[in-house]
Amino acid sequence: MDKQELYGKIREALINDFEMEPEKVVPEAKLYEDLNLDSIDAVDLIVKFKQYIPKNMDPEVFKKMRTLQDVVDGIFDAAQGSLDKK
């Protein structure tokens, strides 16, 4: 899966599962300020995308994510690193 596909899946989840307005769900959207995610929502999002997240991914990485693009990049990069080790 490439970054664009991953972004599409995350965007779709935010719109459908978190009932966000599609026009607000853009790569530069700030998770907490623009999308109004709280810490429980963030955990729910991580659980929803657990299949794409390597088991050995450092939870501290998630704490540093501020925008939707950060989430996409972080998950994608961690997954690529996990594949490179195989």
PDB file of N, CA and C in Angstrom:
ATOM      1  N   MET A   1       0.851  -1.173   0.000  1.00  0.00           N
ATOM      2  CA  MET A   1       0.000   0.000   0.000  1.00  0.00           C
ATOM      3  C   MET A   1       0.899   1.239   0.000  1.00  0.00           C
ATOM      4  N   ASP A   2       0.570   2.181  -0.858  1.00  0.00           N
ATOM      5  CA  ASP A   2       1.356   3.415  -0.904  1.00  0.00           C
ATOM      6  C   ASP A   2       0.721   4.464   0.018  1.00  0.00           C
ATOM      7  N   LYS A   3       1.397   5.601   0.144  1.00  0.00           N
ATOM      8  CA  LYS A   3       0.934   6.648   1.064  1.00  0.00           C
ATOM      9  C   LYS A   3      -0.451   7.174   0.682  1.00  0.00           C
ATOM     10  N   GLN A   4      -0.697   7.300  -0.608  1.00  0.00           N
ATOM     11  CA  GLN A   4      -1.987   7.832  -1.044  1.00  0.00           C
ATOM     12  C   GLN A   4      -3.132   6.892  -0.653  1.00  0.00           C
ATOM     13  N   GLU A   5      -2.908   5.593  -0.791  1.00  0.00           N
ATOM     14  CA  GLU A   5      -3.933   4.620  -0.402  1.00  0.00           C
ATOM     15  C   GLU A   5      -4.155   4.644   1.107  1.00  0.00           C
ATOM     16  N   LEU A   6      -3.066   4.728   1.858  1.00  0.00           N
ATOM     17  CA  LEU A   6      -3.165   4.789   3.316  1.00  0.00           C
ATOM     18  C   LEU A   6      -3.916   6.053   3.741  1.00  0.00           C
ATOM     19  N   TYR A   7      -3.565   7.176   3.134  1.00  0.00           N
ATOM     20  CA  TYR A   7      -4.274   8.426   3.421  1.00  0.00           C
ATOM     21  C   TYR A   7      -5.767   8.262   3.142  1.00  0.00           C
ATOM     22  N   GLY A   8      -6.105   7.648   2.016  1.00  0.00           N
ATOM     23  CA  GLY A   8      -7.509   7.451   1.653  1.00  0.00           C
ATOM     24  C   GLY A   8      -8.262   6.627   2.682  1.00  0.00           C
ATOM     25  N   LYS A   9      -7.623   5.590   3.192  1.00  0.00           N
ATOM     26  CA  LYS A   9      -8.271   4.733   4.191  1.00  0.00           C
ATOM     27  C   LYS A   9      -8.461   5.481   5.514  1.00  0.00           C
ATOM     28  N   ILE A  10      -7.443   6.224   5.910  1.00  0.00           N
ATOM     29  CA  ILE A  10      -7.556   6.986   7.160  1.00  0.00           C
ATOM     30  C   ILE A  10      -8.617   8.074   7.006  1.00  0.00           C
ATOM     31  N   ARG A  11      -8.604   8.758   5.882  1.00  0.00           N
ATOM     32  CA  ARG A  11      -9.578   9.820   5.624  1.00  0.00           C
ATOM     33  C   ARG A  11     -11.004   9.254   5.655  1.00  0.00           C
ATOM     34  N   GLU A  12     -11.185   8.122   4.985  1.00  0.00           N
ATOM     35  CA  GLU A  12     -12.503   7.481   4.945  1.00  0.00           C
ATOM     36  C   GLU A  12     -12.971   7.115   6.360  1.00  0.00           C
ATOM     37  N   ALA A  13     -12.053   6.587   7.176  1.00  0.00           N
ATOM     38  CA  ALA A  13     -12.412   6.230   8.552  1.00  0.00           C
ATOM     39  C   ALA A  13     -12.810   7.463   9.353  1.00  0.00           C
ATOM     40  N   LEU A  14     -12.061   8.542   9.196  1.00  0.00           N
ATOM     41  CA  LEU A  14     -12.387   9.762   9.935  1.00  0.00           C
ATOM     42  C   LEU A  14     -13.755  10.305   9.535  1.00  0.00           C
ATOM     43  N   ILE A  15     -14.067  10.228   8.265  1.00  0.00           N
ATOM     44  CA  ILE A  15     -15.356  10.734   7.780  1.00  0.00           C
ATOM     45  C   ILE A  15     -16.494   9.821   8.207  1.00  0.00           C
ATOM     46  N   ASN A  16     -16.323   8.505   8.004  1.00  0.00           N
ATOM     47  CA  ASN A  16     -17.408   7.568   8.276  1.00  0.00           C
ATOM     48  C   ASN A  16     -17.536   7.166   9.744  1.00  0.00           C
ATOM     49  N   ASP A  17     -16.427   6.843  10.363  1.00  0.00           N
ATOM     50  CA  ASP A  17     -16.476   6.325  11.734  1.00  0.00           C
ATOM     51  C   ASP A  17     -16.466   7.427  12.792  1.00  0.00           C
ATOM     52  N   PHE A  18     -15.822   8.540  12.472  1.00  0.00           N
ATOM     53  CA  PHE A  18     -15.731   9.631  13.435  1.00  0.00           C
ATOM     54  C   PHE A  18     -16.641  10.786  13.058  1.00  0.00           C
ATOM     55  N   GLU A  19     -17.407  10.612  11.975  1.00  0.00           N
ATOM     56  CA  GLU A  19     -18.412  11.574  11.522  1.00  0.00           C
ATOM     57  C   GLU A  19     -17.858  12.981  11.339  1.00  0.00           C
ATOM     58  N   MET A  20     -16.706  13.060  10.677  1.00  0.00           N
ATOM     59  CA  MET A  20     -16.096  14.356  10.407  1.00  0.00           C
ATOM     60  C   MET A  20     -16.543  14.874   9.048  1.00  0.00           C
ATOM     61  N   GLU A  21     -16.541  16.174   8.924  1.00  0.00           N
ATOM     62  CA  GLU A  21     -16.914  16.803   7.669  1.00  0.00           C
ATOM     63  C   GLU A  21     -15.791  16.583   6.650  1.00  0.00           C
ATOM     64  N   PRO A  22     -16.111  16.039   5.468  1.00  0.00           N
ATOM     65  CA  PRO A  22     -15.082  15.714   4.474  1.00  0.00           C
ATOM     66  C   PRO A  22     -14.155  16.873   4.124  1.00  0.00           C
ATOM     67  N   GLU A  23     -14.680  18.083   4.072  1.00  0.00           N
ATOM     68  CA  GLU A  23     -13.842  19.224   3.686  1.00  0.00           C
ATOM     69  C   GLU A  23     -12.797  19.566   4.751  1.00  0.00           C
ATOM     70  N   LYS A  24     -12.994  19.082   5.977  1.00  0.00           N
ATOM     71  CA  LYS A  24     -12.014  19.339   7.041  1.00  0.00           C
ATOM     72  C   LYS A  24     -10.912  18.286   7.087  1.00  0.00           C
ATOM     73  N   VAL A  25     -11.169  17.132   6.483  1.00  0.00           N
ATOM     74  CA  VAL A  25     -10.219  16.013   6.552  1.00  0.00           C
ATOM     75  C   VAL A  25      -9.245  16.117   5.375  1.00  0.00           C
ATOM     76  N   VAL A  26      -8.226  16.930   5.590  1.00  0.00           N
ATOM     77  CA  VAL A  26      -7.186  17.181   4.587  1.00  0.00           C
ATOM     78  C   VAL A  26      -5.825  16.908   5.223  1.00  0.00           C
ATOM     79  N   PRO A  27      -4.797  16.652   4.420  1.00  0.00           N
ATOM     80  CA  PRO A  27      -3.491  16.291   4.984  1.00  0.00           C
ATOM     81  C   PRO A  27      -2.947  17.266   6.023  1.00  0.00           C
ATOM     82  N   GLU A  28      -3.163  18.555   5.816  1.00  0.00           N
ATOM     83  CA  GLU A  28      -2.599  19.541   6.743  1.00  0.00           C
ATOM     84  C   GLU A  28      -3.469  19.791   7.978  1.00  0.00           C
ATOM     85  N   ALA A  29      -4.598  19.101   8.084  1.00  0.00           N
ATOM     86  CA  ALA A  29      -5.486  19.285   9.238  1.00  0.00           C
ATOM     87  C   ALA A  29      -4.782  18.861  10.523  1.00  0.00           C
ATOM     88  N   LYS A  30      -4.855  19.719  11.513  1.00  0.00           N
ATOM     89  CA  LYS A  30      -4.283  19.408  12.826  1.00  0.00           C
ATOM     90  C   LYS A  30      -5.263  18.495  13.563  1.00  0.00           C
ATOM     91  N   LEU A  31      -4.729  17.408  14.094  1.00  0.00           N
ATOM     92  CA  LEU A  31      -5.579  16.382  14.694  1.00  0.00           C
ATOM     93  C   LEU A  31      -6.449  16.912  15.818  1.00  0.00           C
ATOM     94  N   TYR A  32      -5.869  17.679  16.710  1.00  0.00           N
ATOM     95  CA  TYR A  32      -6.599  18.103  17.899  1.00  0.00           C
ATOM     96  C   TYR A  32      -7.339  19.429  17.696  1.00  0.00           C
ATOM     97  N   GLU A  33      -6.717  20.346  16.970  1.00  0.00           N
ATOM     98  CA  GLU A  33      -7.336  21.653  16.786  1.00  0.00           C
ATOM     99  C   GLU A  33      -8.387  21.647  15.675  1.00  0.00           C
ATOM    100  N   ASP A  34      -8.028  21.125  14.495  1.00  0.00           N
ATOM    101  CA  ASP A  34      -8.936  21.185  13.342  1.00  0.00           C
ATOM    102  C   ASP A  34      -9.956  20.043  13.328  1.00  0.00           C
ATOM    103  N   LEU A  35      -9.500  18.850  13.709  1.00  0.00           N
ATOM    104  CA  LEU A  35     -10.375  17.677  13.641  1.00  0.00           C
ATOM    105  C   LEU A  35     -11.023  17.348  14.986  1.00  0.00           C
ATOM    106  N   ASN A  36     -10.618  18.075  16.023  1.00  0.00           N
ATOM    107  CA  ASN A  36     -11.191  17.908  17.361  1.00  0.00           C
ATOM    108  C   ASN A  36     -11.080  16.480  17.895  1.00  0.00           C
ATOM    109  N   LEU A  37      -9.991  15.800  17.546  1.00  0.00           N
ATOM    110  CA  LEU A  37      -9.764  14.480  18.117  1.00  0.00           C
ATOM    111  C   LEU A  37      -9.302  14.648  19.559  1.00  0.00           C
ATOM    112  N   ASP A  38      -9.752  13.770  20.410  1.00  0.00           N
ATOM    113  CA  ASP A  38      -9.216  13.750  21.765  1.00  0.00           C
ATOM    114  C   ASP A  38      -8.362  12.496  21.905  1.00  0.00           C
ATOM    115  N   SER A  39      -7.808  12.265  23.065  1.00  0.00           N
ATOM    116  CA  SER A  39      -6.888  11.139  23.227  1.00  0.00           C
ATOM    117  C   SER A  39      -7.593   9.800  23.015  1.00  0.00           C
ATOM    118  N   ILE A  40      -8.845   9.693  23.389  1.00  0.00           N
ATOM    119  CA  ILE A  40      -9.594   8.449  23.176  1.00  0.00           C
ATOM    120  C   ILE A  40      -9.824   8.229  21.680  1.00  0.00           C
ATOM    121  N   ASP A  41     -10.154   9.292  20.951  1.00  0.00           N
ATOM    122  CA  ASP A  41     -10.315   9.176  19.502  1.00  0.00           C
ATOM    123  C   ASP A  41      -9.006   8.725  18.851  1.00  0.00           C
ATOM    124  N   ALA A  42      -7.891   9.273  19.326  1.00  0.00           N
ATOM    125  CA  ALA A  42      -6.589   8.912  18.767  1.00  0.00           C
ATOM    126  C   ALA A  42      -6.317   7.429  18.972  1.00  0.00           C
ATOM    127  N   VAL A  43      -6.626   6.926  20.152  1.00  0.00           N
ATOM    128  CA  VAL A  43      -6.448   5.496  20.427  1.00  0.00           C
ATOM    129  C   VAL A  43      -7.376   4.678  19.531  1.00  0.00           C
ATOM    130  N   ASP A  44      -8.613   5.103  19.391  1.00  0.00           N
ATOM    131  CA  ASP A  44      -9.549   4.397  18.515  1.00  0.00           C
ATOM    132  C   ASP A  44      -9.036   4.344  17.079  1.00  0.00           C
ATOM    133  N   LEU A  45      -8.456   5.435  16.626  1.00  0.00           N
ATOM    134  CA  LEU A  45      -7.908   5.489  15.275  1.00  0.00           C
ATOM    135  C   LEU A  45      -6.739   4.517  15.134  1.00  0.00           C
ATOM    136  N   ILE A  46      -5.877   4.487  16.131  1.00  0.00           N
ATOM    137  CA  ILE A  46      -4.737   3.567  16.104  1.00  0.00           C
ATOM    138  C   ILE A  46      -5.232   2.119  16.082  1.00  0.00           C
ATOM    139  N   VAL A  47      -6.217   1.809  16.903  1.00  0.00           N
ATOM    140  CA  VAL A  47      -6.765   0.448  16.937  1.00  0.00           C
ATOM    141  C   VAL A  47      -7.359   0.082  15.578  1.00  0.00           C
ATOM    142  N   LYS A  48      -8.050   1.013  14.975  1.00  0.00           N
ATOM    143  CA  LYS A  48      -8.674   0.756  13.669  1.00  0.00           C
ATOM    144  C   LYS A  48      -7.626   0.434  12.609  1.00  0.00           C
ATOM    145  N   PHE A  49      -6.456   1.032  12.719  1.00  0.00           N
ATOM    146  CA  PHE A  49      -5.410   0.831  11.718  1.00  0.00           C
ATOM    147  C   PHE A  49      -4.272  -0.053  12.218  1.00  0.00           C
ATOM    148  N   LYS A  50      -4.565  -0.835  13.246  1.00  0.00           N
ATOM    149  CA  LYS A  50      -3.563  -1.720  13.830  1.00  0.00           C
ATOM    150  C   LYS A  50      -2.947  -2.663  12.798  1.00  0.00           C
ATOM    151  N   GLN A  51      -3.736  -3.083  11.831  1.00  0.00           N
ATOM    152  CA  GLN A  51      -3.230  -4.007  10.813  1.00  0.00           C
ATOM    153  C   GLN A  51      -2.126  -3.392   9.959  1.00  0.00           C
ATOM    154  N   TYR A  52      -2.054  -2.082   9.901  1.00  0.00           N
ATOM    155  CA  TYR A  52      -1.038  -1.404   9.096  1.00  0.00           C
ATOM    156  C   TYR A  52       0.167  -0.957   9.932  1.00  0.00           C
ATOM    157  N   ILE A  53       0.043  -1.069  11.245  1.00  0.00           N
ATOM    158  CA  ILE A  53       1.077  -0.557  12.136  1.00  0.00           C
ATOM    159  C   ILE A  53       1.948  -1.715  12.616  1.00  0.00           C
ATOM    160  N   PRO A  54       3.256  -1.626  12.430  1.00  0.00           N
ATOM    161  CA  PRO A  54       4.139  -2.690  12.914  1.00  0.00           C
ATOM    162  C   PRO A  54       4.036  -2.831  14.434  1.00  0.00           C
ATOM    163  N   LYS A  55       4.111  -4.065  14.894  1.00  0.00           N
ATOM    164  CA  LYS A  55       3.979  -4.323  16.327  1.00  0.00           C
ATOM    165  C   LYS A  55       5.071  -3.655  17.142  1.00  0.00           C
ATOM    166  N   ASN A  56       6.220  -3.457  16.532  1.00  0.00           N
ATOM    167  CA  ASN A  56       7.332  -2.883  17.276  1.00  0.00           C
ATOM    168  C   ASN A  56       7.420  -1.358  17.150  1.00  0.00           C
ATOM    169  N   MET A  57       6.357  -0.734  16.677  1.00  0.00           N
ATOM    170  CA  MET A  57       6.375   0.721  16.514  1.00  0.00           C
ATOM    171  C   MET A  57       6.337   1.400  17.879  1.00  0.00           C
ATOM    172  N   ASP A  58       7.224   2.319  18.071  1.00  0.00           N
ATOM    173  CA  ASP A  58       7.353   3.048  19.330  1.00  0.00           C
ATOM    174  C   ASP A  58       6.128   3.948  19.551  1.00  0.00           C
ATOM    175  N   PRO A  59       5.410   3.774  20.666  1.00  0.00           N
ATOM    176  CA  PRO A  59       4.235   4.614  20.938  1.00  0.00           C
ATOM    177  C   PRO A  59       4.563   6.103  21.002  1.00  0.00           C
ATOM    178  N   GLU A  60       5.806   6.434  21.303  1.00  0.00           N
ATOM    179  CA  GLU A  60       6.208   7.836  21.365  1.00  0.00           C
ATOM    180  C   GLU A  60       6.060   8.517  20.002  1.00  0.00           C
ATOM    181  N   VAL A  61       6.162   7.728  18.937  1.00  0.00           N
ATOM    182  CA  VAL A  61       5.997   8.278  17.585  1.00  0.00           C
ATOM    183  C   VAL A  61       4.608   8.892  17.447  1.00  0.00           C
ATOM    184  N   PHE A  62       3.599   8.207  17.976  1.00  0.00           N
ATOM    185  CA  PHE A  62       2.231   8.709  17.872  1.00  0.00           C
ATOM    186  C   PHE A  62       2.037  10.001  18.654  1.00  0.00           C
ATOM    187  N   LYS A  63       2.728  10.138  19.763  1.00  0.00           N
ATOM    188  CA  LYS A  63       2.583  11.342  20.572  1.00  0.00           C
ATOM    189  C   LYS A  63       3.084  12.584  19.850  1.00  0.00           C
ATOM    190  N   LYS A  64       3.979  12.399  18.887  1.00  0.00           N
ATOM    191  CA  LYS A  64       4.558  13.530  18.159  1.00  0.00           C
ATOM    192  C   LYS A  64       3.743  13.927  16.935  1.00  0.00           C
ATOM    193  N   MET A  65       2.765  13.122  16.564  1.00  0.00           N
ATOM    194  CA  MET A  65       1.965  13.402  15.370  1.00  0.00           C
ATOM    195  C   MET A  65       0.993  14.533  15.649  1.00  0.00           C
ATOM    196  N   ARG A  66       1.022  15.523  14.781  1.00  0.00           N
ATOM    197  CA  ARG A  66       0.153  16.686  14.969  1.00  0.00           C
ATOM    198  C   ARG A  66      -0.859  16.870  13.841  1.00  0.00           C
ATOM    199  N   THR A  67      -0.525  16.408  12.636  1.00  0.00           N
ATOM    200  CA  THR A  67      -1.424  16.579  11.488  1.00  0.00           C
ATOM    201  C   THR A  67      -1.796  15.210  10.912  1.00  0.00           C
ATOM    202  N   LEU A  68      -2.793  15.217  10.079  1.00  0.00           N
ATOM    203  CA  LEU A  68      -3.193  13.984   9.401  1.00  0.00           C
ATOM    204  C   LEU A  68      -2.043  13.444   8.559  1.00  0.00           C
ATOM    205  N   GLN A  69      -1.287  14.332   7.923  1.00  0.00           N
ATOM    206  CA  GLN A  69      -0.140  13.892   7.124  1.00  0.00           C
ATOM    207  C   GLN A  69       0.923  13.248   8.007  1.00  0.00           C
ATOM    208  N   ASP A  70       1.104  13.732   9.228  1.00  0.00           N
ATOM    209  CA  ASP A  70       2.037  13.111  10.170  1.00  0.00           C
ATOM    210  C   ASP A  70       1.641  11.661  10.446  1.00  0.00           C
ATOM    211  N   VAL A  71       0.340  11.426  10.598  1.00  0.00           N
ATOM    212  CA  VAL A  71      -0.161  10.071  10.855  1.00  0.00           C
ATOM    213  C   VAL A  71       0.155   9.166   9.660  1.00  0.00           C
ATOM    214  N   VAL A  72      -0.170   9.651   8.477  1.00  0.00           N
ATOM    215  CA  VAL A  72       0.088   8.872   7.263  1.00  0.00           C
ATOM    216  C   VAL A  72       1.582   8.575   7.132  1.00  0.00           C
ATOM    217  N   ASP A  73       2.406   9.597   7.264  1.00  0.00           N
ATOM    218  CA  ASP A  73       3.858   9.418   7.122  1.00  0.00           C
ATOM    219  C   ASP A  73       4.409   8.470   8.183  1.00  0.00           C
ATOM    220  N   GLY A  74       3.964   8.636   9.418  1.00  0.00           N
ATOM    221  CA  GLY A  74       4.462   7.805  10.512  1.00  0.00           C
ATOM    222  C   GLY A  74       4.115   6.345  10.339  1.00  0.00           C
ATOM    223  N   ILE A  75       2.864   6.063  10.004  1.00  0.00           N
ATOM    224  CA  ILE A  75       2.446   4.677   9.802  1.00  0.00           C
ATOM    225  C   ILE A  75       3.149   4.090   8.582  1.00  0.00           C
ATOM    226  N   PHE A  76       3.194   4.847   7.503  1.00  0.00           N
ATOM    227  CA  PHE A  76       3.822   4.358   6.277  1.00  0.00           C
ATOM    228  C   PHE A  76       5.306   4.073   6.503  1.00  0.00           C
ATOM    229  N   ASP A  77       6.013   5.019   7.101  1.00  0.00           N
ATOM    230  CA  ASP A  77       7.449   4.847   7.329  1.00  0.00           C
ATOM    231  C   ASP A  77       7.738   3.678   8.263  1.00  0.00           C
ATOM    232  N   ALA A  78       6.928   3.527   9.309  1.00  0.00           N
ATOM    233  CA  ALA A  78       7.127   2.416  10.239  1.00  0.00           C
ATOM    234  C   ALA A  78       6.860   1.076   9.554  1.00  0.00           C
ATOM    235  N   ALA A  79       5.821   1.044   8.727  1.00  0.00           N
ATOM    236  CA  ALA A  79       5.501  -0.191   8.003  1.00  0.00           C
ATOM    237  C   ALA A  79       6.609  -0.526   7.024  1.00  0.00           C
ATOM    238  N   GLN A  80       7.152   0.465   6.348  1.00  0.00           N
ATOM    239  CA  GLN A  80       8.253   0.234   5.398  1.00  0.00           C
ATOM    240  C   GLN A  80       9.479  -0.280   6.148  1.00  0.00           C
ATOM    241  N   GLY A  81       9.786   0.296   7.273  1.00  0.00           N
ATOM    242  CA  GLY A  81      10.924  -0.153   8.067  1.00  0.00           C
ATOM    243  C   GLY A  81      10.757  -1.584   8.532  1.00  0.00           C
ATOM    244  N   SER A  82       9.526  -1.932   8.876  1.00  0.00           N
ATOM    245  CA  SER A  82       9.222  -3.295   9.308  1.00  0.00           C
ATOM    246  C   SER A  82       9.391  -4.275   8.159  1.00  0.00           C
ATOM    247  N   LEU A  83       9.006  -3.852   6.953  1.00  0.00           N
ATOM    248  CA  LEU A  83       9.158  -4.717   5.777  1.00  0.00           C
ATOM    249  C   LEU A  83      10.630  -4.866   5.405  1.00  0.00           C
ATOM    250  N   ASP A  84      11.394  -3.794   5.582  1.00  0.00           N
ATOM    251  CA  ASP A  84      12.819  -3.837   5.243  1.00  0.00           C
ATOM    252  C   ASP A  84      13.573  -4.829   6.114  1.00  0.00           C
ATOM    253  N   LYS A  85      13.100  -5.062   7.335  1.00  0.00           N
ATOM    254  CA  LYS A  85      13.772  -5.968   8.265  1.00  0.00           C
ATOM    255  C   LYS A  85      13.502  -7.424   7.960  1.00  0.00           C
ATOM    256  N   LYS A  86      12.480  -7.693   7.168  1.00  0.00           N
ATOM    257  CA  LYS A  86      12.121  -9.093   6.862  1.00  0.00           C
ATOM    258  C   LYS A  86      13.031  -9.670   5.821  1.00  0.00           C
TER     259      LYS A  86
END
